């Protein structure tokens, strides 16, 4: 144990810095520099760090798609296109049991495919859908659970920013990872919808019907054409071009950003204020992501240099259960770190360490090489989505509580997400048992 005091101390300092509330990117950078000095690493190692940051982050062409996808989502959000889509979905599903909650789920999935940012999706749904659900006398716990869970779909449904970073860290084609996410996302959305429908039928007071709209109503048809159809075409074009290999993620993200601008302009929502807010939000979020990636690159390099990689490999080698025991330990680590770290830090810290170890394992399911890493990447994504909802530190719960104000209590939110967390765990187990959901 004494030979591992440096990597253990490095991990402890990182955790203490994160819990202190100091910016995570600066904590990782400072920890890396501190232990470079403590370990007595040569001065030339600093040059190596600069080269690694440039090669892995600053000159990484794939990462250009991150600000483009963020901008696409923010333009559609600030121009109120997403708000109109929610209203249209509510009218369309009014006749279905629990239709209002299903509309929230549908728009949550749509917002996930537009922005890929959990915070934006949860806050938007809370501001737009929660008042409507309360006016319709929906049970508060059902409303809270559906808003929080639907918002977290942004972590799993392409073009999720997390999937882009995961693809980069695991060295797998981003189009393949996007394609692999649709199966588990479909299972999860289906389980959510089934939960809403069953609850509405078993206890109609929890999800009372709202005024139905005639599907042949010309105003509804017009709203479908103007509000939902352009977004669906934009998403299909962007994701389809990536998955089919017609365009690279960077090229498709640029087309997506242009398409969002054209839709917002066509619908009259591209005001100077909306455009400025979208640009400012994109710069802020993209800057945060890149800064964290730089910090994580520095931390991982020093952690490996002081023996961290060897320590992790030795610890995993003695775990019972073979390959599945190691996978369980990794999944548990990801889940527990989700209580204190954002997904970005978890992916950037753990995947460079655990990824090479998992890549060499045989799970007896016929997966190897790229297919194996895609399956593992989707498992991590579903796991992280679960951690976003887990009380008391789930980030989605904080977003919802802040946006809802006095409308919801913490206990109501916790009670609302509990059954949905169970459905997410069930999805994770299904994916482990049926890897073909993610790899075809």
Protein backbone atom coordinates (compact mmCIF):
# COMPACT_ATOMS: atom_id res chain seq x y z
CA UNK A 1 0.00 0.00 0.00
CA UNK A 2 2.88 2.37 0.75
CA UNK A 3 4.02 2.34 -2.89
CA UNK A 4 0.62 3.72 -3.88
CA UNK A 5 0.57 6.69 -1.53
CA UNK A 6 1.11 9.20 -4.33
CA UNK A 7 -1.88 8.22 -6.54
CA UNK A 8 -4.09 7.73 -3.46
CA UNK A 9 -3.09 11.15 -2.14
CA UNK A 10 -3.71 12.67 -5.56
CA UNK A 11 -7.23 11.22 -5.66
CA UNK A 12 -7.90 12.45 -2.12
CA UNK A 13 -6.73 15.99 -2.92
CA UNK A 14 -8.91 16.04 -6.03
CA UNK A 15 -11.99 14.92 -4.07
CA UNK A 16 -11.34 17.47 -1.33
CA UNK A 17 -10.94 20.24 -3.89
CA UNK A 18 -14.19 19.30 -5.63
CA UNK A 19 -16.13 19.19 -2.35
CA UNK A 20 -14.74 22.62 -1.44
CA UNK A 21 -16.76 24.13 -4.26
CA UNK A 22 -13.74 25.41 -6.18
CA UNK A 23 -14.05 25.12 -10.00
CA UNK A 24 -13.36 21.53 -10.96
CA UNK A 25 -11.18 22.40 -13.95
CA UNK A 26 -8.85 24.50 -11.79
CA UNK A 27 -8.82 21.82 -9.07
CA UNK A 28 -7.63 19.21 -11.58
CA UNK A 29 -5.00 21.54 -13.02
CA UNK A 30 -3.71 22.55 -9.58
CA UNK A 31 -3.63 18.94 -8.37
CA UNK A 32 -1.65 17.90 -11.44
CA UNK A 33 0.95 20.65 -10.97
CA UNK A 34 1.20 20.01 -7.20
CA UNK A 35 1.89 16.29 -7.61
CA UNK A 36 4.26 16.89 -10.52
CA UNK A 37 6.36 18.80 -7.99
CA UNK A 38 5.80 16.35 -5.09
CA UNK A 39 6.68 13.32 -7.21
CA UNK A 40 9.82 14.99 -8.53
CA UNK A 41 8.93 14.41 -12.16
CA UNK A 42 11.44 15.89 -14.63
CA UNK A 43 11.01 19.38 -16.07
CA UNK A 44 10.62 17.87 -19.52
CA UNK A 45 7.36 16.30 -18.33
CA UNK A 46 5.78 19.77 -18.41
CA UNK A 47 6.57 20.00 -22.11
CA UNK A 48 4.92 16.61 -22.56
CA UNK A 49 1.82 17.91 -20.77
CA UNK A 50 1.56 20.91 -23.07
CA UNK A 51 1.91 18.65 -26.12
CA UNK A 52 -0.76 16.30 -24.80
CA UNK A 53 -3.22 19.16 -24.15
CA UNK A 54 -2.67 20.46 -27.67
CA UNK A 55 -3.02 17.04 -29.31
CA UNK A 56 -5.96 15.73 -27.25
CA UNK A 57 -8.01 18.91 -26.82
CA UNK A 58 -6.98 22.05 -28.65
CA UNK A 59 -6.36 20.46 -32.04
CA UNK A 60 -9.07 17.81 -31.75
CA UNK A 61 -11.29 18.44 -34.76
CA UNK A 62 -14.09 16.29 -33.35
CA UNK A 63 -14.64 18.70 -30.46
CA UNK A 64 -15.67 21.46 -32.86
CA UNK A 65 -19.10 19.86 -33.04
CA UNK A 66 -19.72 20.53 -29.32
CA UNK A 67 -20.29 24.32 -29.62
CA UNK A 68 -22.24 23.76 -32.84
CA UNK A 69 -24.70 21.35 -31.22
CA UNK A 70 -24.99 23.58 -28.16
CA UNK A 71 -25.71 26.58 -30.39
CA UNK A 72 -28.34 24.60 -32.33
CA UNK A 73 -30.20 23.78 -29.13
CA UNK A 74 -29.96 27.24 -27.63
CA UNK A 75 -31.22 28.94 -30.80
CA UNK A 76 -34.31 26.74 -30.85
CA UNK A 77 -34.84 27.26 -27.13
CA UNK A 78 -34.36 31.04 -27.05
CA UNK A 79 -36.52 31.54 -30.15
CA UNK A 80 -39.39 29.71 -28.35
CA UNK A 81 -39.58 27.01 -31.03
CA UNK A 82 -39.34 24.34 -28.31
CA UNK A 83 -42.16 25.98 -26.33
CA UNK A 84 -44.48 25.86 -29.34
CA UNK A 85 -43.59 22.21 -29.88
CA UNK A 86 -44.60 21.38 -26.31
CA UNK A 87 -48.00 23.03 -26.76
CA UNK A 88 -48.56 21.15 -30.02
CA UNK A 89 -47.58 17.82 -28.45
CA UNK A 90 -50.00 18.46 -25.58
CA UNK A 91 -52.85 19.00 -28.03
CA UNK A 92 -51.92 15.94 -30.06
CA UNK A 93 -51.82 13.57 -27.04
CA UNK A 94 -54.78 15.01 -25.17
CA UNK A 95 -56.95 11.91 -25.77
CA UNK A 96 -54.34 9.45 -24.46
CA UNK A 97 -54.39 8.50 -20.73
CA UNK A 98 -51.75 10.64 -19.06
CA UNK A 99 -51.44 12.57 -22.32
CA UNK A 100 -49.96 15.68 -20.74
CA UNK A 101 -47.19 13.66 -19.07
CA UNK A 102 -46.58 11.80 -22.33
CA UNK A 103 -46.30 15.15 -24.11
CA UNK A 104 -43.62 16.18 -21.60
CA UNK A 105 -41.81 12.90 -22.32
CA UNK A 106 -42.04 13.45 -26.08
CA UNK A 107 -40.74 17.00 -25.90
CA UNK A 108 -38.05 15.90 -23.43
CA UNK A 109 -36.83 13.44 -26.05
CA UNK A 110 -37.08 16.10 -28.73
CA UNK A 111 -35.13 18.60 -26.63
CA UNK A 112 -32.53 15.90 -25.95
CA UNK A 113 -32.05 15.43 -29.67
CA UNK A 114 -31.80 19.19 -30.13
CA UNK A 115 -29.51 20.39 -27.35
CA UNK A 116 -27.89 17.42 -25.58
CA UNK A 117 -27.66 19.49 -22.38
CA UNK A 118 -29.47 18.22 -19.28
CA UNK A 119 -29.63 21.51 -17.40
CA UNK A 120 -31.30 23.31 -20.30
CA UNK A 121 -33.81 20.50 -20.89
CA UNK A 122 -34.87 20.13 -17.23
CA UNK A 123 -35.21 23.88 -16.66
CA UNK A 124 -37.14 24.41 -19.90
CA UNK A 125 -39.58 21.58 -19.12
CA UNK A 126 -40.01 22.79 -15.55
CA UNK A 127 -40.83 26.32 -16.65
CA UNK A 128 -43.14 25.34 -19.49
CA UNK A 129 -44.77 22.04 -18.55
CA UNK A 130 -44.94 22.04 -14.75
CA UNK A 131 -47.47 24.90 -14.48
CA UNK A 132 -49.64 23.24 -17.13
CA UNK A 133 -49.57 19.89 -15.32
CA UNK A 134 -50.50 21.52 -12.03
CA UNK A 135 -53.36 23.44 -13.65
CA UNK A 136 -54.60 20.12 -15.04
CA UNK A 137 -54.51 18.74 -11.44
CA UNK A 138 -51.82 16.14 -12.13
CA UNK A 139 -50.27 14.57 -9.03
CA UNK A 140 -47.25 16.65 -8.01
CA UNK A 141 -44.96 13.64 -7.66
CA UNK A 142 -45.88 12.39 -11.16
CA UNK A 143 -45.29 15.85 -12.62
CA UNK A 144 -41.94 16.22 -10.87
CA UNK A 145 -40.77 12.76 -11.84
CA UNK A 146 -41.66 13.10 -15.50
CA UNK A 147 -40.10 16.55 -15.86
CA UNK A 148 -36.83 15.45 -14.21
CA UNK A 149 -36.60 12.10 -16.00
CA UNK A 150 -37.58 13.51 -19.41
CA UNK A 151 -34.95 16.23 -19.04
CA UNK A 152 -32.20 13.69 -18.33
CA UNK A 153 -32.81 12.00 -21.68
CA UNK A 154 -30.42 14.65 -23.02
CA UNK A 155 -27.51 12.60 -21.70
CA UNK A 156 -28.46 9.51 -23.72
CA UNK A 157 -30.23 10.58 -26.91
CA UNK A 158 -27.91 11.80 -29.70
CA UNK A 159 -26.43 14.30 -30.30
CA UNK A 160 -25.67 14.15 -26.58
CA UNK A 161 -22.56 16.14 -25.69
CA UNK A 162 -21.65 13.36 -23.29
CA UNK A 163 -21.70 10.77 -26.08
CA UNK A 164 -19.35 12.97 -28.11
CA UNK A 165 -16.87 13.17 -25.22
CA UNK A 166 -17.27 9.42 -24.53
CA UNK A 167 -16.54 8.60 -28.16
CA UNK A 168 -13.39 10.70 -27.98
CA UNK A 169 -12.20 9.11 -24.74
CA UNK A 170 -12.99 5.52 -25.75
CA UNK A 171 -11.65 6.02 -29.27
CA UNK A 172 -14.78 4.74 -31.01
CA UNK A 173 -16.58 6.19 -34.05
CA UNK A 174 -19.08 8.76 -32.87
CA UNK A 175 -21.62 7.66 -35.47
CA UNK A 176 -21.52 4.11 -34.10
CA UNK A 177 -21.96 5.36 -30.54
CA UNK A 178 -24.89 7.55 -31.62
CA UNK A 179 -26.50 4.57 -33.37
CA UNK A 180 -25.92 2.38 -30.31
CA UNK A 181 -27.70 4.84 -28.03
CA UNK A 182 -31.06 4.65 -29.82
CA UNK A 183 -31.91 1.12 -28.67
CA UNK A 184 -31.43 1.72 -24.90
CA UNK A 185 -33.04 5.17 -25.22
CA UNK A 186 -36.06 3.59 -26.88
CA UNK A 187 -36.34 0.99 -24.11
CA UNK A 188 -36.13 3.67 -21.44
CA UNK A 189 -38.66 5.98 -23.10
CA UNK A 190 -40.99 3.02 -23.58
CA UNK A 191 -40.77 2.10 -19.90
CA UNK A 192 -41.44 5.71 -18.90
CA UNK A 193 -44.50 5.84 -21.17
CA UNK A 194 -45.78 2.52 -19.86
CA UNK A 195 -45.43 3.80 -16.29
CA UNK A 196 -47.46 6.93 -17.10
CA UNK A 197 -50.21 5.02 -18.91
CA UNK A 198 -50.54 2.38 -16.18
CA UNK A 199 -50.65 5.00 -13.46
CA UNK A 200 -53.24 7.04 -15.34
CA UNK A 201 -55.46 3.96 -15.78
CA UNK A 202 -55.03 2.60 -12.25
CA UNK A 203 -55.50 5.98 -10.58
CA UNK A 204 -57.14 8.48 -12.97
CA UNK A 205 -57.02 11.20 -10.29
CA UNK A 206 -53.21 11.32 -10.66
CA UNK A 207 -53.45 12.16 -14.36
CA UNK A 208 -56.93 13.50 -15.16
CA UNK A 209 -57.90 13.95 -18.81
CA UNK A 210 -57.68 17.37 -20.36
CA UNK A 211 -59.82 18.92 -23.08
CA UNK A 212 -59.37 16.81 -26.19
CA UNK A 213 -58.61 18.26 -29.60
CA UNK A 214 -60.04 16.83 -32.79
CA UNK A 215 -57.11 15.28 -34.72
CA UNK A 216 -58.67 16.66 -37.91
CA UNK A 217 -58.67 20.19 -36.50
CA UNK A 218 -56.99 22.38 -39.12
CA UNK A 219 -55.22 24.46 -36.48
CA UNK A 220 -53.67 21.30 -35.01
CA UNK A 221 -52.57 20.08 -38.43
CA UNK A 222 -51.07 23.49 -39.14
CA UNK A 223 -49.24 23.44 -35.78
CA UNK A 224 -47.84 19.98 -36.52
CA UNK A 225 -46.52 21.17 -39.86
CA UNK A 226 -45.07 24.44 -38.58
CA UNK A 227 -43.86 23.47 -35.08
CA UNK A 228 -42.95 19.79 -34.99
CA UNK A 229 -42.18 18.80 -38.57
CA UNK A 230 -39.22 21.20 -39.08
CA UNK A 231 -37.57 20.03 -35.86
CA UNK A 232 -38.03 16.36 -36.71
CA UNK A 233 -36.60 16.93 -40.19
CA UNK A 234 -33.64 18.84 -38.74
CA UNK A 235 -32.87 16.08 -36.21
CA UNK A 236 -33.30 13.32 -38.81
CA UNK A 237 -31.01 15.14 -41.23
CA UNK A 238 -28.26 15.83 -38.70
CA UNK A 239 -28.23 12.43 -36.98
CA UNK A 240 -28.99 10.48 -40.14
CA UNK A 241 -26.05 12.02 -41.99
CA UNK A 242 -23.69 11.11 -39.14
CA UNK A 243 -24.91 7.54 -38.66
CA UNK A 244 -25.03 6.86 -42.42
CA UNK A 245 -21.49 8.19 -42.81
CA UNK A 246 -22.56 10.90 -45.24
CA UNK A 247 -21.12 13.69 -43.08
CA UNK A 248 -18.66 13.86 -40.20
CA UNK A 249 -20.01 14.96 -36.80
CA UNK A 250 -18.34 18.33 -37.27
CA UNK A 251 -19.89 18.87 -40.69
CA UNK A 252 -23.33 17.71 -39.51
CA UNK A 253 -23.19 19.96 -36.45
CA UNK A 254 -22.51 22.97 -38.66
CA UNK A 255 -25.49 22.10 -40.85
CA UNK A 256 -27.58 21.64 -37.70
CA UNK A 257 -26.65 25.08 -36.40
CA UNK A 258 -27.49 26.63 -39.79
CA UNK A 259 -30.78 24.73 -39.91
CA UNK A 260 -31.73 25.96 -36.44
CA UNK A 261 -31.06 29.55 -37.49
CA UNK A 262 -33.19 29.15 -40.61
CA UNK A 263 -36.10 27.59 -38.68
CA UNK A 264 -35.95 30.30 -36.00
CA UNK A 265 -35.84 33.02 -38.67
CA UNK A 266 -38.72 31.44 -40.60
CA UNK A 267 -40.87 31.24 -37.47
CA UNK A 268 -40.05 34.82 -36.47
CA UNK A 269 -38.22 33.94 -33.27
CA UNK A 270 -34.69 34.96 -34.27
CA UNK A 271 -34.63 38.33 -32.53
CA UNK A 272 -31.33 40.12 -31.77
CA UNK A 273 -31.83 39.32 -28.07
CA UNK A 274 -32.42 35.62 -28.74
CA UNK A 275 -29.40 35.42 -31.04
CA UNK A 276 -27.16 37.17 -28.50
CA UNK A 277 -28.30 34.92 -25.64
CA UNK A 278 -27.69 31.82 -27.77
CA UNK A 279 -24.17 32.99 -28.68
CA UNK A 280 -23.33 33.91 -25.09
CA UNK A 281 -24.69 30.61 -23.75
CA UNK A 282 -22.73 28.66 -26.34
CA UNK A 283 -19.48 30.45 -25.49
CA UNK A 284 -19.97 29.91 -21.75
CA UNK A 285 -20.86 26.22 -21.97
CA UNK A 286 -18.24 25.38 -24.60
CA UNK A 287 -15.54 27.22 -22.65
CA UNK A 288 -16.44 25.25 -19.52
CA UNK A 289 -16.29 21.93 -21.38
CA UNK A 290 -12.92 22.66 -23.00
CA UNK A 291 -11.41 23.97 -19.74
CA UNK A 292 -12.49 20.82 -17.89
CA UNK A 293 -11.05 18.67 -20.67
CA UNK A 294 -7.71 20.47 -20.37
CA UNK A 295 -7.71 19.97 -16.59
CA UNK A 296 -8.64 16.30 -16.93
CA UNK A 297 -5.88 15.74 -19.50
CA UNK A 298 -3.28 17.20 -17.14
CA UNK A 299 -4.62 15.25 -14.16
CA UNK A 300 -4.73 11.93 -16.02
CA UNK A 301 -1.18 12.32 -17.33
CA UNK A 302 0.31 13.03 -13.89
CA UNK A 303 -1.87 10.36 -12.24
CA UNK A 304 -0.49 7.76 -14.63
CA UNK A 305 3.06 9.02 -14.13
CA UNK A 306 2.88 8.58 -10.33
CA UNK A 307 1.60 5.00 -10.63
CA UNK A 308 -2.15 5.51 -10.66
CA UNK A 309 -2.80 3.31 -13.68
CA UNK A 310 -0.80 0.44 -12.20
CA UNK A 311 -2.62 0.79 -8.88
CA UNK A 312 -6.04 0.63 -10.56
CA UNK A 313 -5.09 -2.39 -12.66
CA UNK A 314 -3.80 -4.27 -9.62
CA UNK A 315 -6.93 -3.45 -7.61
CA UNK A 316 -9.25 -4.62 -10.41
CA UNK A 317 -7.26 -7.82 -10.94
CA UNK A 318 -8.03 -9.12 -7.43
CA UNK A 319 -11.77 -8.49 -7.61
CA UNK A 320 -14.00 -11.59 -7.57
CA UNK A 321 -16.27 -12.38 -10.48
CA UNK A 322 -13.78 -11.98 -13.30
CA UNK A 323 -14.73 -9.61 -16.12
CA UNK A 324 -18.26 -9.07 -14.78
CA UNK A 325 -16.90 -8.29 -11.32
CA UNK A 326 -14.62 -5.64 -12.81
CA UNK A 327 -17.50 -4.19 -14.83
CA UNK A 328 -19.68 -4.08 -11.71
CA UNK A 329 -16.92 -2.23 -9.82
CA UNK A 330 -16.57 0.32 -12.63
CA UNK A 331 -20.33 0.84 -12.85
CA UNK A 332 -20.54 1.30 -9.08
CA UNK A 333 -17.69 3.82 -9.18
CA UNK A 334 -19.43 5.78 -11.94
CA UNK A 335 -22.72 5.74 -10.02
CA UNK A 336 -21.22 6.86 -6.70
CA UNK A 337 -19.12 9.61 -8.26
CA UNK A 338 -22.32 10.89 -9.85
CA UNK A 339 -23.31 12.11 -6.38
CA UNK A 340 -20.43 14.60 -6.22
CA UNK A 341 -19.12 15.12 -9.76
CA UNK A 342 -20.69 16.22 -13.02
CA UNK A 343 -20.73 13.73 -15.91
CA UNK A 344 -17.91 15.54 -17.69
CA UNK A 345 -15.43 15.09 -14.86
CA UNK A 346 -16.45 11.44 -14.39
CA UNK A 347 -15.99 10.60 -18.05
CA UNK A 348 -12.70 12.45 -18.39
CA UNK A 349 -11.20 11.04 -15.18
CA UNK A 350 -12.45 7.43 -15.20
CA UNK A 351 -12.59 6.45 -18.86
CA UNK A 352 -8.87 6.96 -19.63
CA UNK A 353 -8.13 4.77 -16.58
CA UNK A 354 -10.79 2.06 -16.86
CA UNK A 355 -11.25 2.07 -20.65
CA UNK A 356 -8.04 0.18 -21.55
CA UNK A 357 -8.69 -2.35 -18.77
CA UNK A 358 -12.26 -3.06 -19.92
CA UNK A 359 -11.16 -3.26 -23.56
CA UNK A 360 -9.09 -6.36 -22.81
CA UNK A 361 -11.82 -8.33 -21.02
CA UNK A 362 -14.02 -11.13 -22.31
CA UNK A 363 -17.64 -10.98 -21.10
CA UNK A 364 -18.72 -14.07 -22.99
CA UNK A 365 -21.21 -12.14 -25.09
CA UNK A 366 -19.27 -12.20 -28.34
CA UNK A 367 -18.24 -8.54 -28.18
CA UNK A 368 -14.67 -7.43 -28.79
CA UNK A 369 -12.77 -4.41 -30.03
CA UNK A 370 -14.87 -1.43 -31.10
CA UNK A 371 -18.18 -3.20 -30.48
CA UNK A 372 -17.18 -3.96 -26.90
CA UNK A 373 -16.22 -0.34 -26.22
CA UNK A 374 -19.48 0.94 -27.74
CA UNK A 375 -21.45 -1.34 -25.41
CA UNK A 376 -19.42 -0.17 -22.42
CA UNK A 377 -19.86 3.46 -23.46
CA UNK A 378 -23.65 3.10 -23.60
CA UNK A 379 -23.64 1.33 -20.21
CA UNK A 380 -21.75 4.30 -18.75
CA UNK A 381 -24.22 6.73 -20.35
CA UNK A 382 -27.28 4.96 -18.90
CA UNK A 383 -25.53 4.71 -15.52
CA UNK A 384 -24.73 8.42 -15.46
CA UNK A 385 -28.31 9.24 -16.39
CA UNK A 386 -29.44 7.29 -13.32
CA UNK A 387 -27.04 9.23 -11.08
CA UNK A 388 -28.60 12.51 -12.24
CA UNK A 389 -31.89 11.52 -10.59
CA UNK A 390 -30.64 9.87 -7.41
CA UNK A 391 -31.47 11.82 -4.20
CA UNK A 392 -30.21 13.81 -2.51
CA UNK A 393 -27.42 15.03 -4.83
CA UNK A 394 -28.74 14.28 -8.31
CA UNK A 395 -28.01 17.31 -10.49
CA UNK A 396 -31.35 17.09 -12.32
CA UNK A 397 -33.11 17.38 -8.97
CA UNK A 398 -31.28 20.63 -8.22
CA UNK A 399 -32.17 22.00 -11.66
CA UNK A 400 -35.83 21.09 -11.12
CA UNK A 401 -35.97 22.45 -7.59
CA UNK A 402 -34.45 25.76 -8.68
CA UNK A 403 -36.78 26.17 -11.65
CA UNK A 404 -39.92 25.03 -9.79
CA UNK A 405 -39.43 27.34 -6.80
CA UNK A 406 -42.18 26.85 -4.23
CA UNK A 407 -44.29 24.71 -6.53
CA UNK A 408 -42.58 21.48 -5.39
CA UNK A 409 -40.97 20.30 -2.17
CA UNK A 410 -37.83 18.19 -2.04
CA UNK A 411 -39.79 15.23 -0.67
CA UNK A 412 -42.29 15.43 -3.54
CA UNK A 413 -39.45 15.47 -6.07
CA UNK A 414 -37.74 12.49 -4.42
CA UNK A 415 -41.00 10.53 -4.34
CA UNK A 416 -41.63 11.33 -7.99
CA UNK A 417 -38.26 10.16 -9.31
CA UNK A 418 -38.06 6.97 -7.21
CA UNK A 419 -40.02 4.68 -9.60
CA UNK A 420 -38.25 6.20 -12.61
CA UNK A 421 -34.85 5.46 -11.10
CA UNK A 422 -36.00 1.86 -10.81
CA UNK A 423 -36.87 1.86 -14.52
CA UNK A 424 -33.43 3.24 -15.36
CA UNK A 425 -31.73 0.49 -13.35
CA UNK A 426 -33.95 -2.04 -15.16
CA UNK A 427 -32.82 -0.57 -18.50
CA UNK A 428 -29.18 -0.91 -17.42
CA UNK A 429 -29.73 -4.59 -16.51
CA UNK A 430 -31.54 -5.23 -19.81
CA UNK A 431 -28.63 -3.66 -21.71
CA UNK A 432 -26.15 -5.85 -19.85
CA UNK A 433 -28.17 -8.96 -20.68
CA UNK A 434 -28.91 -7.96 -24.30
CA UNK A 435 -25.87 -6.06 -25.66
CA UNK A 436 -27.41 -6.23 -29.15
CA UNK A 437 -29.55 -3.27 -28.11
CA UNK A 438 -26.43 -1.12 -28.40
CA UNK A 439 -24.34 -3.10 -30.90
CA UNK A 440 -25.78 -4.58 -34.07
